Amino acid sequence: MIILSAQFMIMLDASIVTVALPDIQHELGFSPSGVQAVVTAYNTAFGGALILGGRIGDVFGRRRFFVLGMAAFALASLLCGLSVNAAMLVACRVLQGFSAAAIAPTALALLAGSFPEGPARARAMSRFGVATVLGFVGGLVFSGLLVDSLGWQSVFYVTVPLGALVAVLIPRCVAATPGAARSGRLDVLGAVLITAGVALVVVAPTQGSALGWAAPQCVVPFVAGLCLLAVFLFVERRHPDPLVRLGLFRSGMLRAANVVTLASGLLSGSAYLLVTLYLQEVMGRTPVQAGLIVAPIGLVNVVWGMVLGRLIPRIGVAVSLTAATVLSGLLVALVASQMAVAQNLVVFGLALFPMGMTILATTVSSTLAATAGVAPHEQGLAAGVRQTSFQLGIALGVAVLLSLASSRTGALEGQGVAHGPALAAGYRTALYVLSALVIGAGVVTFVQVRNHKKADAARKLTATTT
């Protein structure tokens, strides 16, 4: 429960700040475009440092690093709420992002290390998935209520007591994990290259959404990030003690898991956000009302998560990985088909439930697959890679799909379509594109899993023959 609380807190923070941006802009003097830096600063630091955070936990001890991350996150959240100007808030959001990058991979690695592979780990990971979904949906539900009643500072203060409490309880309730049996030295060059490379790739879509996809502020960071990642791969192949052992990615199951994790990030970051925007801007609901319409999905998923913990071991991770991804894409398309100006809210709400259930199934299946067959001393690295894929999915999905929805709306209004129907069509188009991307990820996953099974069968046959 302590580890799940940390995951809930991180996902809550990822979604809760968005609604407070207009108030933050007005009070701290941000420009209309500059206020997006509050989100970008956090996402860039968080996404860029996840693999490094996971590996540091592997080397120096996960519990120790987890406690440090939780304490730093609580302090950074407090400082965010106390910010008196734009520069202070952006700096504190960077600190918050780095702290979250210490927490997220070590939390998943601690959870994987606490339960053996099989039904026990499946149940633990299903609850991890529930915490992920509840945190993100909870941020959308409570953000409007907090901002309206207590001010924008409350969206940062809400995580302070939880972060401090978890930091105090971890040493009492979570077993210590020793560092890896190695020199204790980190591959500093590899750490700098992977952190900077991923950070630049994460920040590029945000700049593209705001300034245009051909703008230098988008193209230059993206190309520079890819170049740094290419140099990172070159360095790691030749390093005697690399930050990331590249042989880890020879597993077809791990590659499939990260494809699905990317799709899961797309779904978690974009599907719920597009739905809440549709409810507010097309259906005329307030942020609080929109949050209350979405809230039952989280409650249903609490029960569904318990079922998944027993269902997935029976049908197998490989089957659930592919089936959940394809079904998620199909059900996103179903929700998109219901987006209209005069839609009945009851009918629309009912369409959301199966979509939310398959999104959770996708998250749980990918998390299980990402930790399966990984050596104990590399669980932090595998978790960091998994969390990076998830964060990239969120960043790409939000930036690209919101930009697509806006472009489609503007094009229809230019053709004389009324504002309401044009908005609905924009969000509908974005969800259809999301559906196609997720189904495509499911097809890629099916191929990867099938090749993995063939390779595994061949290895067993060779071993038996020998």
Foldseek 3Di string as FASTA:
>chain_A
DLLLLLLLLVLLLLAQLVVQLVVCCVQQVADPLRSCLLNLLLLLLQLLCQLVLLLLCLAAWLLVLQLVLLQQLLVLLLQLLVDRHDVSNSVSSNSNNNSSSNSQLSSLLLLPVVDDPFLRSLLSLLSSLLSNLCSNLVSLQCNLVCCVPPNSSVSSNVCNVSSVVSSVCSVVPGDIDHHDPDDSDAPVLLSVLSSQLLSLCLSLLVCCLSPNNPDCSNVVSNVVSVVSVVVSVVVQVPDPDHSDDVVVPVFLLLVLLLLLLLLLLLCSQALLVLQLCLCCVQVPDDSNVSSVLLVVLSVVSVVLSSVSSVPCSVVDLLVLQLVLLLVLLVLLLVLLVQQANPGDSVVSSVSVNVNSSSSSSSSSSSSSSLQPPDDSSCSSSSSSSSVSSSSSSNSNNVSVLVSQLVVQLVVVVVVVDDNNRSSSVSSSVSSNVSSVSSNVSSVVSNVSSVVSVVVVVVVVVVVVVD
